[in-house]
Protein backbone atom coordinates (compact mmCIF):
# COMPACT_ATOMS: atom_id res chain seq x y z
CA MET A 1 -118.86 170.92 -252.45
CA ASP A 2 -117.81 173.78 -250.41
CA GLU A 3 -120.16 176.86 -251.06
CA GLN A 4 -117.26 179.12 -251.15
CA GLU A 5 -114.71 177.12 -253.19
CA PRO A 6 -115.83 177.72 -257.32
CA TYR A 7 -117.04 175.02 -259.38
CA GLY A 8 -114.27 172.86 -260.72
CA GLY A 9 -111.60 173.68 -257.86
CA ALA A 10 -109.28 176.18 -257.80
CA PRO A 11 -107.26 177.42 -260.92
CA GLU A 12 -103.98 176.14 -261.37
CA ARG A 13 -101.04 178.47 -260.33
CA VAL A 14 -98.65 179.33 -263.04
CA ASP A 15 -94.75 179.47 -262.29
CA ALA A 16 -93.77 183.02 -262.67
CA GLU A 17 -90.78 182.14 -264.53
CA GLN A 18 -92.66 180.16 -267.06
CA ALA A 19 -95.07 183.30 -267.37
CA GLU A 20 -92.45 185.29 -268.13
CA ALA A 21 -90.70 182.90 -270.76
CA ALA A 22 -94.03 183.06 -272.64
CA THR A 23 -93.95 186.58 -272.82
CA ASP A 24 -90.53 187.28 -273.49
CA GLY A 25 -88.80 187.36 -277.00
CA PRO A 26 -89.94 187.50 -280.41
CA PHE A 27 -92.67 184.99 -281.31
CA ALA A 28 -92.95 182.83 -284.39
CA GLU A 29 -95.24 183.64 -287.27
CA CYS A 30 -98.03 181.59 -288.28
CA VAL A 31 -97.14 179.39 -291.69
CA LEU A 32 -100.78 180.36 -293.05
CA CYS A 33 -101.76 183.92 -292.21
CA ARG A 34 -98.30 185.29 -290.95
CA ARG A 35 -99.67 186.76 -287.61
CA PRO A 36 -97.65 186.03 -284.31
CA THR A 37 -98.23 182.95 -282.61
CA GLU A 38 -98.18 181.79 -278.92
CA TYR A 39 -94.71 180.11 -279.81
CA PRO A 40 -91.57 181.62 -279.39
CA GLU A 41 -89.28 181.96 -282.75
CA SER A 42 -87.32 178.72 -281.35
CA VAL A 43 -90.00 176.26 -281.88
CA LYS A 44 -89.53 173.65 -284.58
CA GLY A 45 -92.24 172.73 -286.98
CA ALA A 46 -95.07 174.44 -288.75
CA THR A 47 -96.47 176.99 -285.85
CA LEU A 48 -99.89 178.35 -286.35
CA CYS A 49 -101.96 180.97 -284.65
CA PRO A 50 -104.87 180.05 -282.17
CA VAL A 51 -107.33 181.00 -285.32
CA CYS A 52 -105.69 179.07 -287.72
CA GLU A 53 -105.17 176.29 -285.08
CA TRP A 54 -108.92 176.21 -284.60
CA ARG A 55 -109.54 176.19 -288.08
CA GLU A 56 -107.42 172.96 -288.50
CA ALA A 57 -108.51 171.46 -285.90
CA GLU A 58 -112.34 171.73 -287.73
CA ARG A 59 -110.87 170.47 -290.85
CA THR A 60 -109.50 167.32 -289.43
CA ALA A 61 -112.01 166.33 -286.89
CA CYS A 62 -113.99 163.27 -287.50
CA SER A 63 -117.42 164.26 -288.65
CA GLY A 64 -118.82 160.89 -287.52
């Protein structure tokens, strides 16, 4: 490993058009708490905010 390169390699570069599209327009509301999500309103299906997504993942995770 090169001492000047950070662990894990260089971060991926985000296409400028994708980054702009992600910040444009109205965002869909979370179906549980009504907060804005990361998804545009045009996304179909039940959209969740990051907090509710995390909680849903905790509920459905295998407790093994």
